[in-house]
Amino acid sequence: MGAHIPGKKTANNNSAFFDFQKINQSTQQKSADNTGFSVFNQNALNAAANLQTGLSNAFSKFLPYQPPQPEKIPLQKLPALENIPAPDFNIKAGVTINDEGKILYQKNPNEELPIASLTKLMTTLVVLDELSPKETLIVSQKAVDTAGDMGGLVAKEKLTAKDALYIMLIDSSNDAAVALAEAVEQKGENFVDLMNQKAAKLQLNNSHFSDPSGLDPNNISSAYDLAVLMNNCLMSPSIQKILETEKTDINSLDGKIVHHLINTNKLLNGDGIVAGKTGYTEEAGECLITVVKLPEGNKYFISVVLGAEIGMRFIETEKLVKWTKKAVGW
């Protein structure tokens, strides 16, 4: 964990690929089935049939990365799931979606909610679009003064963009998020505009970004959009490597400052969970995205949990991951 910097404000924001059309949720029928399995929920099946033909491009193979699969995977019911009802997870919204784009579980998948530090996944994509990993950035006092103690950055410290990404994603550092955004804006770009342009390009229709760290509650997205976002992150081997790192040390360029990083995702490397990102603010509640690798070759699924109660995101995610594995027979 990064060292505390005297005088810093504090905030609880350190808690912690696919590109296809959203499910068109029915607004005229809301039953108990809404929290269950989409494969035996007829409304969800009908909605899923409207996915755009680029569905199979949604997921690239994970570890190692392979190019997107050919277009269109036929939607189909999974017989193994029909008699295994989903429990009522204590979350505001969530999904699990496998590497073929099949929705295995959904609860309010398109509801727009604050997402806290899950915002940093979009920040990462924009940074890699705009900066070389070896590019040097100088940490400003403004970045250091950003609410939150994670990362332990020091004013005038020099880091590479790559190392700042490690600090931002592993330690969920708001300081690093701001420092990276400032480095991009020095090139004459508005970072938040770039975030929203990227969201539009990825067809994240229920998402809007207002700052690079996730502190602003106006950073909103849906469980479904976040699965899309994580899938795009997994397409980058460099992002994969960061998200799967449990702990590491990062040095300033002059070697005088050492950042001891421990991943905020406490489930990492347990029960097949190979990557993920945490988030927390008072408005968002506890949030967590995980990538779960399965024993069958390169098979995996993404789990998204939004709006869990304090202290419950890991418990709810464990329940969701175990249920999904059992339901599908993994």
Protein backbone atom coordinates (compact mmCIF):
# COMPACT_ATOMS: atom_id res chain seq x y z
CA MET A 1 0.00 0.00 0.00
CA GLY A 2 1.15 3.57 -0.61
CA ALA A 3 2.36 5.71 2.27
CA HIS A 4 0.10 8.33 3.86
CA ILE A 5 0.74 11.91 2.81
CA PRO A 6 0.11 14.46 5.58
CA GLY A 7 -2.72 16.86 4.91
CA LYS A 8 -4.37 14.72 2.22
CA LYS A 9 -8.12 14.56 2.12
CA THR A 10 -9.57 11.07 2.46
CA ALA A 11 -12.28 9.29 0.55
CA ASN A 12 -13.37 5.71 0.30
CA ASN A 13 -12.64 5.15 -3.35
CA ASN A 14 -9.92 2.54 -3.02
CA SER A 15 -12.08 -0.44 -2.39
CA ALA A 16 -11.15 -2.37 -4.55
CA PHE A 17 -15.06 -7.39 -24.22
CA PHE A 18 -17.39 -7.35 -25.67
CA ASP A 19 -18.72 -4.89 -28.26
CA PHE A 20 -22.37 -5.59 -28.82
CA GLN A 21 -25.83 -3.99 -28.43
CA LYS A 22 -27.46 -3.68 -25.01
CA ILE A 23 -30.32 -5.91 -23.98
CA ASN A 24 -33.53 -4.00 -24.54
CA GLN A 25 -35.04 -4.61 -21.10
CA SER A 26 -38.80 -4.61 -20.92
CA THR A 27 -40.17 -1.73 -18.89
CA GLN A 28 -43.69 -3.12 -18.91
CA GLN A 29 -43.11 -6.33 -16.97
CA LYS A 30 -41.00 -6.50 -13.85
CA SER A 31 -41.36 -9.81 -12.11
CA ALA A 32 -39.27 -11.94 -9.84
CA ASP A 33 -37.78 -13.49 -12.96
CA ASN A 34 -35.83 -10.23 -13.49
CA THR A 35 -33.30 -11.30 -10.90
CA GLY A 36 -32.88 -14.82 -12.23
CA PHE A 37 -31.36 -16.61 -15.17
CA SER A 38 -31.81 -15.01 -18.54
CA VAL A 39 -31.69 -18.44 -20.21
CA PHE A 40 -35.00 -19.46 -18.76
CA ASN A 41 -36.46 -15.96 -18.53
CA GLN A 42 -38.43 -15.58 -21.76
CA ASN A 43 -38.28 -11.79 -21.68
CA ALA A 44 -34.53 -11.93 -21.43
CA LEU A 45 -34.32 -14.47 -24.25
CA ASN A 46 -36.41 -12.25 -26.50
CA ALA A 47 -34.28 -9.27 -25.61
CA ALA A 48 -31.05 -11.19 -26.16
CA ALA A 49 -32.19 -12.05 -29.68
CA ASN A 50 -31.79 -8.37 -30.55
CA LEU A 51 -28.06 -8.36 -29.96
CA GLN A 52 -26.15 -7.01 -32.93
CA THR A 53 -24.44 -9.46 -35.27
CA GLY A 54 -21.04 -8.57 -33.87
CA LEU A 55 -21.81 -10.63 -30.75
CA SER A 56 -18.98 -13.08 -31.17
CA ASN A 57 -16.46 -10.27 -31.41
CA ALA A 58 -17.47 -9.49 -27.87
CA PHE A 59 -14.93 -11.72 -26.21
CA SER A 60 -11.36 -12.38 -27.11
CA LYS A 61 -9.72 -15.47 -25.64
CA PHE A 62 -8.08 -14.80 -22.33
CA LEU A 63 -4.55 -15.92 -21.49
CA PRO A 64 -3.25 -15.93 -24.10
CA TYR A 65 -5.01 -13.30 -26.20
CA GLN A 66 -6.34 -14.45 -29.57
CA PRO A 67 -8.07 -12.38 -32.27
CA PRO A 68 -11.87 -12.04 -32.03
CA GLN A 69 -13.88 -15.05 -33.18
CA PRO A 70 -15.90 -15.11 -36.42
CA GLU A 71 -19.14 -13.15 -36.47
CA LYS A 72 -22.30 -14.33 -34.78
CA ILE A 73 -22.60 -17.07 -32.21
CA PRO A 74 -26.13 -18.52 -32.23
CA LEU A 75 -28.05 -17.75 -29.06
CA GLN A 76 -29.18 -20.91 -27.32
CA LYS A 77 -30.67 -22.10 -24.09
CA LEU A 78 -28.35 -23.95 -21.76
CA PRO A 79 -30.29 -27.02 -20.56
CA ALA A 80 -28.07 -27.45 -17.50
CA LEU A 81 -29.32 -24.14 -16.14
CA GLU A 82 -33.07 -24.62 -16.39
CA ASN A 83 -33.60 -26.20 -12.99
CA ILE A 84 -31.11 -24.13 -11.01
CA PRO A 85 -32.77 -20.89 -9.93
CA ALA A 86 -30.47 -18.01 -9.03
CA PRO A 87 -30.36 -16.86 -5.43
CA ASP A 88 -31.35 -13.29 -4.62
CA PHE A 89 -27.97 -11.62 -4.53
CA ASN A 90 -27.91 -8.52 -2.31
CA ILE A 91 -26.70 -6.13 -4.99
CA LYS A 92 -28.27 -3.33 -7.03
CA ALA A 93 -27.18 -4.81 -10.36
CA GLY A 94 -24.98 -7.55 -11.76
CA VAL A 95 -24.21 -9.91 -14.63
CA THR A 96 -22.12 -12.91 -15.47
CA ILE A 97 -21.34 -13.36 -19.16
CA ASN A 98 -19.16 -16.06 -20.69
CA ASP A 99 -16.50 -15.86 -23.38
CA GLU A 100 -19.07 -16.64 -26.08
CA GLY A 101 -21.24 -13.71 -25.08
CA LYS A 102 -23.94 -15.73 -23.33
CA ILE A 103 -25.56 -14.02 -20.36
CA LEU A 104 -25.58 -16.52 -17.52
CA TYR A 105 -27.00 -14.25 -14.83
CA GLN A 106 -28.51 -10.78 -14.84
CA LYS A 107 -30.07 -8.39 -12.36
CA ASN A 108 -30.94 -4.92 -13.63
CA PRO A 109 -28.19 -5.23 -16.28
CA ASN A 110 -28.88 -1.86 -17.92
CA GLU A 111 -29.57 0.24 -14.85
CA GLU A 112 -27.34 3.33 -14.77
CA LEU A 113 -25.48 3.50 -11.45
CA PRO A 114 -22.44 5.27 -10.01
CA ILE A 115 -19.39 3.05 -10.49
CA ALA A 116 -16.65 4.62 -8.33
CA SER A 117 -13.15 3.32 -9.17
CA LEU A 118 -14.39 1.00 -11.89
CA THR A 119 -14.11 4.25 -13.86
CA LYS A 120 -10.36 3.65 -13.88
CA LEU A 121 -10.80 0.92 -16.50
CA MET A 122 -11.93 3.56 -18.98
CA THR A 123 -9.14 5.86 -17.81
CA THR A 124 -6.70 3.06 -18.65
CA LEU A 125 -7.99 2.62 -22.20
CA VAL A 126 -7.78 6.34 -22.90
CA VAL A 127 -4.27 6.61 -21.43
CA LEU A 128 -3.02 3.78 -23.64
CA ASP A 129 -4.61 5.46 -26.66
CA GLU A 130 -2.84 8.75 -25.93
CA LEU A 131 0.46 7.99 -24.15
CA SER A 132 3.42 5.72 -24.73
CA PRO A 133 3.94 3.33 -21.79
CA LYS A 134 7.48 4.70 -21.47
CA GLU A 135 6.40 8.32 -21.48
CA THR A 136 7.49 10.27 -18.39
CA LEU A 137 4.96 12.13 -16.30
CA ILE A 138 5.62 14.50 -13.39
CA VAL A 139 3.16 14.22 -10.51
CA SER A 140 1.54 17.57 -9.71
CA GLN A 141 0.49 18.89 -6.32
CA LYS A 142 -3.08 18.84 -7.62
CA ALA A 143 -2.82 15.11 -8.22
CA VAL A 144 -1.35 14.52 -4.77
CA ASP A 145 -4.15 16.56 -3.19
CA THR A 146 -6.84 14.40 -4.79
CA ALA A 147 -9.02 12.73 -2.15
CA GLY A 148 -7.81 9.28 -1.11
CA ASP A 149 -4.54 7.99 0.32
CA MET A 150 -3.85 5.05 -1.99
CA GLY A 151 -0.72 5.07 -4.12
CA GLY A 152 1.29 7.46 -1.97
CA LEU A 153 2.43 9.65 -4.85
CA VAL A 154 4.68 12.63 -4.07
CA ALA A 155 4.57 16.02 -5.75
CA LYS A 156 7.22 16.41 -8.49
CA GLU A 157 7.83 12.65 -8.51
CA LYS A 158 8.61 11.28 -11.97
CA LEU A 159 7.06 8.03 -13.19
CA THR A 160 6.53 6.32 -16.51
CA ALA A 161 2.94 6.12 -17.72
CA LYS A 162 3.14 2.33 -17.41
CA ASP A 163 4.17 2.51 -13.75
CA ALA A 164 1.46 5.05 -13.00
CA LEU A 165 -1.08 2.63 -14.50
CA TYR A 166 0.17 -0.09 -12.14
CA ILE A 167 -0.32 2.24 -9.18
CA MET A 168 -3.76 3.31 -10.38
CA LEU A 169 -5.14 -0.16 -11.11
CA ILE A 170 -3.50 -2.26 -8.38
CA ASP A 171 -3.76 0.22 -5.50
CA SER A 172 -6.80 2.06 -6.95
CA SER A 173 -4.90 5.33 -6.64
CA ASN A 174 -6.91 8.47 -7.39
CA ASP A 175 -3.65 10.45 -7.40
CA ALA A 176 -2.30 8.30 -10.24
CA ALA A 177 -5.54 8.64 -12.22
CA VAL A 178 -5.34 12.44 -12.05
CA ALA A 179 -1.60 12.47 -12.86
CA LEU A 180 -2.20 10.33 -15.95
CA ALA A 181 -5.10 12.51 -17.10
CA GLU A 182 -2.97 15.63 -16.66
CA ALA A 183 -0.22 14.09 -18.79
CA VAL A 184 -2.74 13.53 -21.59
CA GLU A 185 -4.18 17.02 -21.26
CA GLN A 186 -0.72 18.53 -21.63
CA LYS A 187 -1.02 17.41 -25.24
CA GLY A 188 -4.04 19.67 -25.68
CA GLU A 189 -6.80 17.11 -25.16
CA ASN A 190 -9.68 17.17 -22.70
CA PHE A 191 -9.41 13.87 -20.85
CA VAL A 192 -13.08 13.53 -19.87
CA ASP A 193 -14.12 14.23 -23.45
CA LEU A 194 -11.82 11.43 -24.58
CA MET A 195 -13.38 9.08 -22.03
CA ASN A 196 -16.87 9.75 -23.33
CA GLN A 197 -15.75 9.51 -26.95
CA LYS A 198 -14.27 6.10 -26.15
CA ALA A 199 -17.49 5.07 -24.45
CA ALA A 200 -19.45 6.02 -27.57
CA LYS A 201 -17.04 4.08 -29.77
CA LEU A 202 -17.51 0.98 -27.62
CA GLN A 203 -21.29 1.50 -27.68
CA LEU A 204 -21.50 1.91 -23.91
CA ASN A 205 -24.89 3.54 -24.22
CA ASN A 206 -25.64 3.55 -20.51
CA SER A 207 -22.32 5.08 -19.50
CA HIS A 208 -21.09 8.61 -18.89
CA PHE A 209 -17.79 9.72 -17.38
CA SER A 210 -17.01 12.94 -15.53
CA ASP A 211 -13.54 12.41 -14.03
CA PRO A 212 -10.64 9.93 -14.37
CA SER A 213 -10.70 8.58 -10.81
CA GLY A 214 -14.36 7.75 -10.20
CA LEU A 215 -14.74 10.08 -7.22
CA ASP A 216 -17.52 12.03 -8.95
CA PRO A 217 -20.87 10.20 -8.58
CA ASN A 218 -21.69 11.37 -12.10
CA ASN A 219 -19.42 8.62 -13.39
CA ILE A 220 -22.18 6.17 -14.25
CA SER A 221 -22.47 2.90 -16.12
CA SER A 222 -24.41 -0.35 -16.12
CA ALA A 223 -23.39 -3.89 -15.25
CA TYR A 224 -23.70 -4.79 -18.92
CA ASP A 225 -21.60 -1.86 -20.13
CA LEU A 226 -18.91 -2.68 -17.58
CA ALA A 227 -18.63 -6.21 -18.90
CA VAL A 228 -18.12 -4.68 -22.35
CA LEU A 229 -15.50 -2.35 -20.90
CA MET A 230 -13.62 -5.12 -19.11
CA ASN A 231 -13.66 -7.22 -22.26
CA ASN A 232 -11.93 -4.42 -24.14
CA CYS A 233 -9.37 -4.13 -21.38
CA LEU A 234 -8.66 -7.86 -21.69
CA MET A 235 -7.81 -7.35 -25.35
CA SER A 236 -4.65 -5.56 -24.21
CA PRO A 237 -1.93 -7.93 -22.90
CA SER A 238 -0.40 -5.05 -20.93
CA ILE A 239 -3.67 -4.35 -19.10
CA GLN A 240 -4.17 -8.07 -18.49
CA LYS A 241 -0.78 -8.24 -16.84
CA ILE A 242 -1.55 -5.35 -14.49
CA LEU A 243 -5.00 -6.63 -13.53
CA GLU A 244 -3.64 -10.07 -12.66
CA THR A 245 -0.80 -8.70 -10.49
CA GLU A 246 -1.36 -9.47 -6.81
CA LYS A 247 1.48 -7.32 -5.45
CA THR A 248 4.54 -5.50 -6.71
CA ASP A 249 6.89 -2.59 -6.04
CA ILE A 250 7.07 0.46 -8.30
CA ASN A 251 9.99 2.90 -8.13
CA SER A 252 10.11 6.54 -9.14
CA LEU A 253 12.44 7.16 -12.07
CA ASP A 254 15.20 8.39 -9.76
CA GLY A 255 14.78 5.36 -7.52
CA LYS A 256 14.25 7.46 -4.39
CA ILE A 257 10.57 6.62 -3.89
CA VAL A 258 9.24 3.08 -3.67
CA HIS A 259 5.54 2.28 -3.88
CA HIS A 260 4.58 -1.06 -2.30
CA LEU A 261 1.41 -2.13 -4.05
CA ILE A 262 -1.09 -4.78 -2.93
CA ASN A 263 -4.07 -5.46 -5.17
CA THR A 264 -7.34 -4.20 -3.70
CA ASN A 265 -9.09 -7.26 -5.21
CA LYS A 266 -8.92 -9.72 -2.30
CA LEU A 267 -10.38 -12.52 -4.43
CA LEU A 268 -7.51 -12.46 -6.93
CA ASN A 269 -6.08 -15.93 -7.61
CA GLY A 270 -8.87 -17.64 -5.69
CA ASP A 271 -11.55 -19.85 -7.26
CA GLY A 272 -10.22 -19.19 -10.77
CA ILE A 273 -10.37 -15.39 -10.48
CA VAL A 274 -7.45 -14.12 -12.54
CA ALA A 275 -8.18 -10.39 -12.85
CA GLY A 276 -10.51 -7.69 -11.64
CA LYS A 277 -11.11 -4.18 -10.35
CA THR A 278 -12.69 -2.87 -7.18
CA GLY A 279 -14.61 0.33 -6.54
CA TYR A 280 -16.26 2.12 -3.65
CA THR A 281 -17.82 5.47 -2.91
CA GLU A 282 -20.73 6.27 -0.64
CA GLU A 283 -22.97 6.86 -3.65
CA ALA A 284 -21.90 3.74 -5.57
CA GLY A 285 -21.65 1.33 -2.68
CA GLU A 286 -19.20 -1.52 -3.13
CA CYS A 287 -18.50 -2.63 -6.70
CA LEU A 288 -16.36 -5.37 -8.19
CA ILE A 289 -15.58 -6.76 -11.64
CA THR A 290 -13.80 -10.10 -11.88
CA VAL A 291 -12.55 -12.32 -14.69
CA VAL A 292 -12.92 -16.02 -13.91
CA LYS A 293 -10.84 -18.50 -15.89
CA LEU A 294 -12.23 -21.99 -16.33
CA PRO A 295 -10.32 -25.28 -16.60
CA GLU A 296 -11.51 -25.83 -20.18
CA GLY A 297 -8.75 -24.33 -22.32
CA ASN A 298 -9.18 -20.58 -22.61
CA LYS A 299 -12.77 -20.48 -21.37
CA TYR A 300 -13.70 -17.73 -18.94
CA PHE A 301 -16.52 -15.49 -17.81
CA ILE A 302 -16.82 -11.96 -16.47
CA SER A 303 -18.69 -11.19 -13.26
CA VAL A 304 -19.95 -7.70 -12.42
CA VAL A 305 -21.38 -6.72 -9.03
CA LEU A 306 -22.66 -3.17 -8.41
CA GLY A 307 -24.12 -1.54 -5.33
CA ALA A 308 -23.24 -4.16 -2.73
CA GLU A 309 -23.48 -3.16 0.93
CA ILE A 310 -20.36 -2.19 2.87
CA GLY A 311 -18.15 -5.22 3.39
CA MET A 312 -20.18 -7.45 1.07
CA ARG A 313 -18.80 -7.09 -2.46
CA PHE A 314 -16.35 -9.97 -2.09
CA ILE A 315 -18.95 -12.19 -0.45
CA GLU A 316 -21.58 -11.47 -3.09
CA THR A 317 -19.04 -12.00 -5.89
CA GLU A 318 -17.92 -15.33 -4.42
CA LYS A 319 -21.55 -16.45 -4.24
CA LEU A 320 -22.19 -15.33 -7.82
CA VAL A 321 -19.05 -17.00 -9.19
CA LYS A 322 -19.74 -20.28 -7.39
CA TRP A 323 -23.37 -20.30 -8.45
CA THR A 324 -22.46 -19.59 -12.08
CA LYS A 325 -19.93 -22.43 -12.13
CA LYS A 326 -22.39 -24.85 -10.56
CA ALA A 327 -25.24 -23.80 -12.82
CA VAL A 328 -23.23 -24.30 -16.00
CA GLY A 329 -21.55 -27.46 -14.77
CA TRP A 330 -18.01 -26.08 -14.56
